[in-house]
Amino acid sequence: MSSPLIETLVENAKYMPQEDDASGSGQPSKCEVECQPQQAALVACMNSIRDDRENNRSDTDDNGNANACLAPSVAAWTECCTLANANGN
């Protein structure tokens, strides 16, 4: 059973252009253009979580603090991409 967060990420990934995109336009999506700050924040959050896990931190306070950025980052990116894609099509 997957979490709603993972389901949201999977759903949003559908809107990102694929290398084998039949349109062949080579142009970035509206989401890619307009939501760079939100994407950067999400990437930074994921890197922080990964770094914490790689450093084998076991105390829940640190892991909770690292994970605390995930939901707001995903929400901000999702909202931005949804609006960008709705306005761009």
PDB file of N, CA and C in Angstrom:
ATOM      1  N   MET A   1       0.848  -1.180   0.000  1.00  0.00           N
ATOM      2  CA  MET A   1       0.000   0.000   0.000  1.00  0.00           C
ATOM      3  C   MET A   1       0.889   1.237   0.000  1.00  0.00           C
ATOM      4  N   SER A   2       0.755   2.078  -0.996  1.00  0.00           N
ATOM      5  CA  SER A   2       1.599   3.254  -1.091  1.00  0.00           C
ATOM      6  C   SER A   2       0.953   4.434  -0.374  1.00  0.00           C
ATOM      7  N   SER A   3       1.789   5.351   0.045  1.00  0.00           N
ATOM      8  CA  SER A   3       1.300   6.514   0.779  1.00  0.00           C
ATOM      9  C   SER A   3       0.734   7.541  -0.195  1.00  0.00           C
ATOM     10  N   PRO A   4      -0.110   8.448   0.298  1.00  0.00           N
ATOM     11  CA  PRO A   4      -0.629   9.503  -0.569  1.00  0.00           C
ATOM     12  C   PRO A   4       0.485  10.376  -1.143  1.00  0.00           C
ATOM     13  N   LEU A   5       1.551  10.562  -0.391  1.00  0.00           N
ATOM     14  CA  LEU A   5       2.671  11.362  -0.870  1.00  0.00           C
ATOM     15  C   LEU A   5       3.308  10.720  -2.096  1.00  0.00           C
ATOM     16  N   ILE A   6       3.548   9.424  -2.035  1.00  0.00           N
ATOM     17  CA  ILE A   6       4.139   8.714  -3.171  1.00  0.00           C
ATOM     18  C   ILE A   6       3.183   8.741  -4.348  1.00  0.00           C
ATOM     19  N   GLU A   7       1.905   8.558  -4.102  1.00  0.00           N
ATOM     20  CA  GLU A   7       0.924   8.597  -5.183  1.00  0.00           C
ATOM     21  C   GLU A   7       0.922   9.964  -5.861  1.00  0.00           C
ATOM     22  N   THR A   8       1.055  11.033  -5.078  1.00  0.00           N
ATOM     23  CA  THR A   8       1.108  12.386  -5.632  1.00  0.00           C
ATOM     24  C   THR A   8       2.341  12.567  -6.497  1.00  0.00           C
ATOM     25  N   LEU A   9       3.489  12.095  -6.011  1.00  0.00           N
ATOM     26  CA  LEU A   9       4.715  12.209  -6.793  1.00  0.00           C
ATOM     27  C   LEU A   9       4.617  11.445  -8.105  1.00  0.00           C
ATOM     28  N   VAL A  10       4.045  10.255  -8.049  1.00  0.00           N
ATOM     29  CA  VAL A  10       3.885   9.451  -9.263  1.00  0.00           C
ATOM     30  C   VAL A  10       2.945  10.152 -10.235  1.00  0.00           C
ATOM     31  N   GLU A  11       1.862  10.701  -9.729  1.00  0.00           N
ATOM     32  CA  GLU A  11       0.910  11.414 -10.585  1.00  0.00           C
ATOM     33  C   GLU A  11       1.575  12.628 -11.226  1.00  0.00           C
ATOM     34  N   ASN A  12       2.345  13.395 -10.457  1.00  0.00           N
ATOM     35  CA  ASN A  12       3.007  14.584 -10.998  1.00  0.00           C
ATOM     36  C   ASN A  12       4.061  14.221 -12.025  1.00  0.00           C
ATOM     37  N   ALA A  13       4.688  13.082 -11.859  1.00  0.00           N
ATOM     38  CA  ALA A  13       5.720  12.667 -12.809  1.00  0.00           C
ATOM     39  C   ALA A  13       5.134  12.470 -14.206  1.00  0.00           C
ATOM     40  N   LYS A  14       3.857  12.192 -14.281  1.00  0.00           N
ATOM     41  CA  LYS A  14       3.207  12.005 -15.580  1.00  0.00           C
ATOM     42  C   LYS A  14       3.222  13.287 -16.404  1.00  0.00           C
ATOM     43  N   TYR A  15       3.333  14.423 -15.730  1.00  0.00           N
ATOM     44  CA  TYR A  15       3.293  15.712 -16.425  1.00  0.00           C
ATOM     45  C   TYR A  15       4.668  16.201 -16.840  1.00  0.00           C
ATOM     46  N   MET A  16       5.697  15.502 -16.437  1.00  0.00           N
ATOM     47  CA  MET A  16       7.054  15.885 -16.808  1.00  0.00           C
ATOM     48  C   MET A  16       7.363  15.286 -18.179  1.00  0.00           C
ATOM     49  N   PRO A  17       8.051  16.027 -19.027  1.00  0.00           N
ATOM     50  CA  PRO A  17       8.349  15.503 -20.363  1.00  0.00           C
ATOM     51  C   PRO A  17       9.302  14.315 -20.295  1.00  0.00           C
ATOM     52  N   GLN A  18       9.108  13.403 -21.195  1.00  0.00           N
ATOM     53  CA  GLN A  18       9.950  12.213 -21.273  1.00  0.00           C
ATOM     54  C   GLN A  18      10.910  12.380 -22.436  1.00  0.00           C
ATOM     55  N   GLU A  19      12.051  11.704 -22.355  1.00  0.00           N
ATOM     56  CA  GLU A  19      13.039  11.808 -23.437  1.00  0.00           C
ATOM     57  C   GLU A  19      12.493  11.291 -24.755  1.00  0.00           C
ATOM     58  N   ASP A  20      11.612  10.317 -24.688  1.00  0.00           N
ATOM     59  CA  ASP A  20      11.062   9.740 -25.911  1.00  0.00           C
ATOM     60  C   ASP A  20       9.710  10.364 -26.265  1.00  0.00           C
ATOM     61  N   ASP A  21       9.491  11.577 -25.805  1.00  0.00           N
ATOM     62  CA  ASP A  21       8.247  12.288 -26.059  1.00  0.00           C
ATOM     63  C   ASP A  21       8.016  12.393 -27.571  1.00  0.00           C
ATOM     64  N   ALA A  22       6.840  11.979 -28.003  1.00  0.00           N
ATOM     65  CA  ALA A  22       6.538  11.948 -29.432  1.00  0.00           C
ATOM     66  C   ALA A  22       6.473  13.344 -30.047  1.00  0.00           C
ATOM     67  N   SER A  23       6.233  14.351 -29.213  1.00  0.00           N
ATOM     68  CA  SER A  23       6.132  15.699 -29.777  1.00  0.00           C
ATOM     69  C   SER A  23       7.468  16.176 -30.312  1.00  0.00           C
ATOM     70  N   GLY A  24       8.552  15.740 -29.698  1.00  0.00           N
ATOM     71  CA  GLY A  24       9.873  16.091 -30.171  1.00  0.00           C
ATOM     72  C   GLY A  24      10.166  17.577 -30.106  1.00  0.00           C
ATOM     73  N   SER A  25       9.379  18.317 -29.343  1.00  0.00           N
ATOM     74  CA  SER A  25       9.558  19.766 -29.313  1.00  0.00           C
ATOM     75  C   SER A  25      10.850  20.167 -28.625  1.00  0.00           C
ATOM     76  N   GLY A  26      11.303  19.369 -27.676  1.00  0.00           N
ATOM     77  CA  GLY A  26      12.519  19.698 -26.955  1.00  0.00           C
ATOM     78  C   GLY A  26      12.356  20.872 -26.019  1.00  0.00           C
ATOM     79  N   GLN A  27      11.164  21.417 -25.944  1.00  0.00           N
ATOM     80  CA  GLN A  27      10.891  22.552 -25.081  1.00  0.00           C
ATOM     81  C   GLN A  27      10.546  22.074 -23.678  1.00  0.00           C
ATOM     82  N   PRO A  28      11.015  22.791 -22.653  1.00  0.00           N
ATOM     83  CA  PRO A  28      10.650  22.421 -21.282  1.00  0.00           C
ATOM     84  C   PRO A  28       9.160  22.668 -21.045  1.00  0.00           C
ATOM     85  N   SER A  29       8.596  21.892 -20.153  1.00  0.00           N
ATOM     86  CA  SER A  29       7.187  22.069 -19.820  1.00  0.00           C
ATOM     87  C   SER A  29       7.000  23.366 -19.041  1.00  0.00           C
ATOM     88  N   LYS A  30       5.760  23.821 -18.974  1.00  0.00           N
ATOM     89  CA  LYS A  30       5.448  25.012 -18.185  1.00  0.00           C
ATOM     90  C   LYS A  30       5.845  24.784 -16.731  1.00  0.00           C
ATOM     91  N   CYS A  31       5.653  23.577 -16.243  1.00  0.00           N
ATOM     92  CA  CYS A  31       6.034  23.242 -14.868  1.00  0.00           C
ATOM     93  C   CYS A  31       7.534  23.419 -14.678  1.00  0.00           C
ATOM     94  N   GLU A  32       8.320  22.911 -15.600  1.00  0.00           N
ATOM     95  CA  GLU A  32       9.779  23.030 -15.495  1.00  0.00           C
ATOM     96  C   GLU A  32      10.222  24.487 -15.497  1.00  0.00           C
ATOM     97  N   VAL A  33       9.578  25.304 -16.301  1.00  0.00           N
ATOM     98  CA  VAL A  33       9.974  26.703 -16.439  1.00  0.00           C
ATOM     99  C   VAL A  33       9.542  27.518 -15.219  1.00  0.00           C
ATOM    100  N   GLU A  34       8.292  27.370 -14.836  1.00  0.00           N
ATOM    101  CA  GLU A  34       7.721  28.235 -13.809  1.00  0.00           C
ATOM    102  C   GLU A  34       7.963  27.763 -12.381  1.00  0.00           C
ATOM    103  N   CYS A  35       8.320  26.514 -12.194  1.00  0.00           N
ATOM    104  CA  CYS A  35       8.396  25.960 -10.838  1.00  0.00           C
ATOM    105  C   CYS A  35       9.807  25.560 -10.434  1.00  0.00           C
ATOM    106  N   GLN A  36      10.802  26.202 -11.018  1.00  0.00           N
ATOM    107  CA  GLN A  36      12.183  25.871 -10.673  1.00  0.00           C
ATOM    108  C   GLN A  36      12.498  26.065  -9.195  1.00  0.00           C
ATOM    109  N   PRO A  37      12.036  27.142  -8.544  1.00  0.00           N
ATOM    110  CA  PRO A  37      12.338  27.294  -7.114  1.00  0.00           C
ATOM    111  C   PRO A  37      11.717  26.187  -6.259  1.00  0.00           C
ATOM    112  N   GLN A  38      10.490  25.803  -6.595  1.00  0.00           N
ATOM    113  CA  GLN A  38       9.823  24.744  -5.843  1.00  0.00           C
ATOM    114  C   GLN A  38      10.512  23.402  -6.064  1.00  0.00           C
ATOM    115  N   GLN A  39      10.944  23.157  -7.296  1.00  0.00           N
ATOM    116  CA  GLN A  39      11.647  21.916  -7.585  1.00  0.00           C
ATOM    117  C   GLN A  39      12.987  21.890  -6.857  1.00  0.00           C
ATOM    118  N   ALA A  40      13.690  23.009  -6.835  1.00  0.00           N
ATOM    119  CA  ALA A  40      14.976  23.076  -6.138  1.00  0.00           C
ATOM    120  C   ALA A  40      14.801  22.818  -4.643  1.00  0.00           C
ATOM    121  N   ALA A  41      13.732  23.360  -4.059  1.00  0.00           N
ATOM    122  CA  ALA A  41      13.464  23.129  -2.638  1.00  0.00           C
ATOM    123  C   ALA A  41      13.156  21.655  -2.382  1.00  0.00           C
ATOM    124  N   LEU A  42      12.416  21.032  -3.281  1.00  0.00           N
ATOM    125  CA  LEU A  42      12.093  19.613  -3.141  1.00  0.00           C
ATOM    126  C   LEU A  42      13.348  18.761  -3.256  1.00  0.00           C
ATOM    127  N   VAL A  43      14.205  19.072  -4.212  1.00  0.00           N
ATOM    128  CA  VAL A  43      15.462  18.332  -4.383  1.00  0.00           C
ATOM    129  C   VAL A  43      16.346  18.494  -3.153  1.00  0.00           C
ATOM    130  N   ALA A  44      16.429  19.718  -2.634  1.00  0.00           N
ATOM    131  CA  ALA A  44      17.233  19.954  -1.431  1.00  0.00           C
ATOM    132  C   ALA A  44      16.696  19.162  -0.246  1.00  0.00           C
ATOM    133  N   CYS A  45      15.391  19.105  -0.117  1.00  0.00           N
ATOM    134  CA  CYS A  45      14.774  18.328   0.961  1.00  0.00           C
ATOM    135  C   CYS A  45      15.101  16.847   0.816  1.00  0.00           C
ATOM    136  N   MET A  46      14.936  16.321  -0.385  1.00  0.00           N
ATOM    137  CA  MET A  46      15.219  14.899  -0.615  1.00  0.00           C
ATOM    138  C   MET A  46      16.695  14.601  -0.358  1.00  0.00           C
ATOM    139  N   ASN A  47      17.576  15.505  -0.759  1.00  0.00           N
ATOM    140  CA  ASN A  47      19.004  15.312  -0.489  1.00  0.00           C
ATOM    141  C   ASN A  47      19.283  15.299   1.002  1.00  0.00           C
ATOM    142  N   SER A  48      18.609  16.165   1.747  1.00  0.00           N
ATOM    143  CA  SER A  48      18.778  16.217   3.191  1.00  0.00           C
ATOM    144  C   SER A  48      18.323  14.908   3.838  1.00  0.00           C
ATOM    145  N   ILE A  49      17.190  14.408   3.403  1.00  0.00           N
ATOM    146  CA  ILE A  49      16.680  13.138   3.942  1.00  0.00           C
ATOM    147  C   ILE A  49      17.644  12.005   3.608  1.00  0.00           C
ATOM    148  N   ARG A  50      18.107  11.964   2.370  1.00  0.00           N
ATOM    149  CA  ARG A  50      19.039  10.916   1.967  1.00  0.00           C
ATOM    150  C   ARG A  50      20.340  11.005   2.762  1.00  0.00           C
ATOM    151  N   ASP A  51      20.860  12.221   2.926  1.00  0.00           N
ATOM    152  CA  ASP A  51      22.092  12.396   3.693  1.00  0.00           C
ATOM    153  C   ASP A  51      21.925  11.923   5.130  1.00  0.00           C
ATOM    154  N   ASP A  52      20.797  12.244   5.727  1.00  0.00           N
ATOM    155  CA  ASP A  52      20.544  11.788   7.101  1.00  0.00           C
ATOM    156  C   ASP A  52      20.517  10.266   7.176  1.00  0.00           C
ATOM    157  N   ARG A  53      19.880   9.649   6.211  1.00  0.00           N
ATOM    158  CA  ARG A  53      19.802   8.183   6.210  1.00  0.00           C
ATOM    159  C   ARG A  53      21.170   7.557   5.956  1.00  0.00           C
ATOM    160  N   GLU A  54      21.946   8.156   5.056  1.00  0.00           N
ATOM    161  CA  GLU A  54      23.275   7.624   4.763  1.00  0.00           C
ATOM    162  C   GLU A  54      24.215   7.757   5.951  1.00  0.00           C
ATOM    163  N   ASN A  55      23.991   8.774   6.753  1.00  0.00           N
ATOM    164  CA  ASN A  55      24.813   8.972   7.946  1.00  0.00           C
ATOM    165  C   ASN A  55      24.328   8.136   9.123  1.00  0.00           C
ATOM    166  N   ASN A  56      23.329   7.290   8.867  1.00  0.00           N
ATOM    167  CA  ASN A  56      22.797   6.359   9.863  1.00  0.00           C
ATOM    168  C   ASN A  56      22.365   7.050  11.140  1.00  0.00           C
ATOM    169  N   ARG A  57      21.760   8.181  10.999  1.00  0.00           N
ATOM    170  CA  ARG A  57      21.226   8.844  12.189  1.00  0.00           C
ATOM    171  C   ARG A  57      20.000   8.073  12.640  1.00  0.00           C
ATOM    172  N   SER A  58      20.016   7.683  13.874  1.00  0.00           N
ATOM    173  CA  SER A  58      18.911   6.875  14.375  1.00  0.00           C
ATOM    174  C   SER A  58      18.007   7.645  15.323  1.00  0.00           C
ATOM    175  N   ASP A  59      18.430   8.825  15.775  1.00  0.00           N
ATOM    176  CA  ASP A  59      17.563   9.551  16.688  1.00  0.00           C
ATOM    177  C   ASP A  59      16.419  10.175  15.907  1.00  0.00           C
ATOM    178  N   THR A  60      15.213   9.965  16.386  1.00  0.00           N
ATOM    179  CA  THR A  60      14.018  10.339  15.634  1.00  0.00           C
ATOM    180  C   THR A  60      13.865  11.840  15.496  1.00  0.00           C
ATOM    181  N   ASP A  61      14.439  12.634  16.405  1.00  0.00           N
ATOM    182  CA  ASP A  61      14.312  14.082  16.285  1.00  0.00           C
ATOM    183  C   ASP A  61      14.964  14.579  15.006  1.00  0.00           C
ATOM    184  N   ASP A  62      16.178  14.119  14.729  1.00  0.00           N
ATOM    185  CA  ASP A  62      16.865  14.557  13.518  1.00  0.00           C
ATOM    186  C   ASP A  62      16.139  14.085  12.273  1.00  0.00           C
ATOM    187  N   ASN A  63      15.724  12.823  12.271  1.00  0.00           N
ATOM    188  CA  ASN A  63      15.014  12.304  11.107  1.00  0.00           C
ATOM    189  C   ASN A  63      13.686  13.026  10.926  1.00  0.00           C
ATOM    190  N   GLY A  64      13.009  13.341  12.019  1.00  0.00           N
ATOM    191  CA  GLY A  64      11.744  14.068  11.933  1.00  0.00           C
ATOM    192  C   GLY A  64      11.950  15.451  11.357  1.00  0.00           C
ATOM    193  N   ASN A  65      13.033  16.109  11.755  1.00  0.00           N
ATOM    194  CA  ASN A  65      13.318  17.441  11.223  1.00  0.00           C
ATOM    195  C   ASN A  65      13.634  17.376   9.739  1.00  0.00           C
ATOM    196  N   ALA A  66      14.388  16.379   9.335  1.00  0.00           N
ATOM    197  CA  ALA A  66      14.715  16.232   7.912  1.00  0.00           C
ATOM    198  C   ALA A  66      13.454  15.934   7.111  1.00  0.00           C
ATOM    199  N   ASN A  67      12.623  15.045   7.624  1.00  0.00           N
ATOM    200  CA  ASN A  67      11.400  14.662   6.920  1.00  0.00           C
ATOM    201  C   ASN A  67      10.347  15.767   6.938  1.00  0.00           C
ATOM    202  N   ALA A  68      10.460  16.703   7.864  1.00  0.00           N
ATOM    203  CA  ALA A  68       9.455  17.769   7.987  1.00  0.00           C
ATOM    204  C   ALA A  68       9.383  18.629   6.736  1.00  0.00           C
ATOM    205  N   CYS A  69      10.453  18.709   5.978  1.00  0.00           N
ATOM    206  CA  CYS A  69      10.449  19.548   4.775  1.00  0.00           C
ATOM    207  C   CYS A  69       9.723  18.883   3.616  1.00  0.00           C
ATOM    208  N   LEU A  70       9.525  17.575   3.671  1.00  0.00           N
ATOM    209  CA  LEU A  70       9.023  16.856   2.507  1.00  0.00           C
ATOM    210  C   LEU A  70       7.596  17.244   2.121  1.00  0.00           C
ATOM    211  N   ALA A  71       6.671  17.169   3.050  1.00  0.00           N
ATOM    212  CA  ALA A  71       5.269  17.460   2.715  1.00  0.00           C
ATOM    213  C   ALA A  71       5.084  18.882   2.187  1.00  0.00           C
ATOM    214  N   PRO A  72       5.638  19.902   2.854  1.00  0.00           N
ATOM    215  CA  PRO A  72       5.456  21.252   2.300  1.00  0.00           C
ATOM    216  C   PRO A  72       6.127  21.438   0.936  1.00  0.00           C
ATOM    217  N   SER A  73       7.279  20.798   0.740  1.00  0.00           N
ATOM    218  CA  SER A  73       7.975  20.916  -0.547  1.00  0.00           C
ATOM    219  C   SER A  73       7.168  20.270  -1.667  1.00  0.00           C
ATOM    220  N   VAL A  74       6.644  19.092  -1.397  1.00  0.00           N
ATOM    221  CA  VAL A  74       5.821  18.406  -2.400  1.00  0.00           C
ATOM    222  C   VAL A  74       4.558  19.206  -2.680  1.00  0.00           C
ATOM    223  N   ALA A  75       3.936  19.733  -1.633  1.00  0.00           N
ATOM    224  CA  ALA A  75       2.701  20.507  -1.807  1.00  0.00           C
ATOM    225  C   ALA A  75       2.957  21.751  -2.653  1.00  0.00           C
ATOM    226  N   ALA A  76       4.043  22.461  -2.373  1.00  0.00           N
ATOM    227  CA  ALA A  76       4.350  23.686  -3.128  1.00  0.00           C
ATOM    228  C   ALA A  76       4.631  23.364  -4.590  1.00  0.00           C
ATOM    229  N   TRP A  77       5.415  22.307  -4.830  1.00  0.00           N
ATOM    230  CA  TRP A  77       5.738  21.929  -6.204  1.00  0.00           C
ATOM    231  C   TRP A  77       4.491  21.457  -6.941  1.00  0.00           C
ATOM    232  N   THR A  78       3.663  20.672  -6.265  1.00  0.00           N
ATOM    233  CA  THR A  78       2.438  20.158  -6.870  1.00  0.00           C
ATOM    234  C   THR A  78       1.507  21.296  -7.257  1.00  0.00           C
ATOM    235  N   GLU A  79       1.318  22.229  -6.346  1.00  0.00           N
ATOM    236  CA  GLU A  79       0.433  23.361  -6.619  1.00  0.00           C
ATOM    237  C   GLU A  79       0.961  24.188  -7.790  1.00  0.00           C
ATOM    238  N   CYS A  80       2.247  24.458  -7.781  1.00  0.00           N
ATOM    239  CA  CYS A  80       2.851  25.250  -8.853  1.00  0.00           C
ATOM    240  C   CYS A  80       2.694  24.538 -10.201  1.00  0.00           C
ATOM    241  N   CYS A  81       3.020  23.264 -10.250  1.00  0.00           N
ATOM    242  CA  CYS A  81       2.943  22.513 -11.516  1.00  0.00           C
ATOM    243  C   CYS A  81       1.499  22.385 -12.008  1.00  0.00           C
ATOM    244  N   THR A  82       0.592  22.194 -11.078  1.00  0.00           N
ATOM    245  CA  THR A  82      -0.808  22.089 -11.462  1.00  0.00           C
ATOM    246  C   THR A  82      -1.282  23.377 -12.108  1.00  0.00           C
ATOM    247  N   LEU A  83      -0.945  24.513 -11.488  1.00  0.00           N
ATOM    248  CA  LEU A  83      -1.335  25.800 -12.053  1.00  0.00           C
ATOM    249  C   LEU A  83      -0.632  26.075 -13.378  1.00  0.00           C
ATOM    250  N   ALA A  84       0.658  25.769 -13.442  1.00  0.00           N
ATOM    251  CA  ALA A  84       1.406  26.001 -14.670  1.00  0.00           C
ATOM    252  C   ALA A  84       0.868  25.160 -15.812  1.00  0.00           C
ATOM    253  N   ASN A  85       0.614  23.893 -15.556  1.00  0.00           N
ATOM    254  CA  ASN A  85       0.111  23.010 -16.601  1.00  0.00           C
ATOM    255  C   ASN A  85      -1.311  23.389 -17.022  1.00  0.00           C
ATOM    256  N   ALA A  86      -2.116  23.831 -16.072  1.00  0.00           N
ATOM    257  CA  ALA A  86      -3.477  24.246 -16.403  1.00  0.00           C
ATOM    258  C   ALA A  86      -3.480  25.504 -17.262  1.00  0.00           C
ATOM    259  N   ASN A  87      -2.553  26.415 -16.988  1.00  0.00           N
ATOM    260  CA  ASN A  87      -2.476  27.665 -17.747  1.00  0.00           C
ATOM    261  C   ASN A  87      -1.730  27.507 -19.053  1.00  0.00           C
ATOM    262  N   GLY A  88      -0.918  26.444 -19.149  1.00  0.00           N
ATOM    263  CA  GLY A  88      -0.083  26.286 -20.332  1.00  0.00           C
ATOM    264  C   GLY A  88      -0.685  25.461 -21.424  1.00  0.00           C
ATOM    265  N   ASN A  89      -1.795  24.823 -21.177  1.00  0.00           N
ATOM    266  CA  ASN A  89      -2.386  23.928 -22.197  1.00  0.00           C
ATOM    267  C   ASN A  89      -3.652  24.490 -22.771  1.00  0.00           C
TER     268      ASN A  89
END
